[in-house]
């Protein structure tokens, strides 16, 4: 019974995270990609989205710069996301044990309502998501869309020059 209650809590937190990410988007979007790393006492995250009308891939680093009329404060959004991923991590640790909890989460949402969540159980090398890691995440999440993007929009939103 307790295992079932914990799975319901995990599903509710995953849904809440997805709904919050969707609520943050100031323009119509095609795809939202979210990555989080967690370990006891620490966490980090990254997100990006493809704008529906322009096909521009906008990463977290450029998100608040690109949308200057954005209604949610950057700090408030980050605190809310940190709270959600920490709660999700704790729910997994409670349900499955600290030795079986994920270290990284890959969460993809599509505008048609489909989503996918994958986990990595390998301990992260660090809890800092640097430019090299961002590039790998863009390739992982966007694949050929990312390659097309770089051909069409070189040196723009992703942060490379």
Foldseek 3Di string as FASTA:
>chain_A
DVLVVLVVVLVVLVVVLVVLVVVQDPAAFFKKKKKKFDDVPDIDIWMWTQHPPPRAIAIPVCVCVVDVVRDDDPVVSVVVNVVSVVSSQVSQCVNPNNQPTFGMWIWMAGPVGDIDIDGHRDHDPDRDCDLVNLVVSCCVPPPVSSVVNCVVPPPPRSHDD
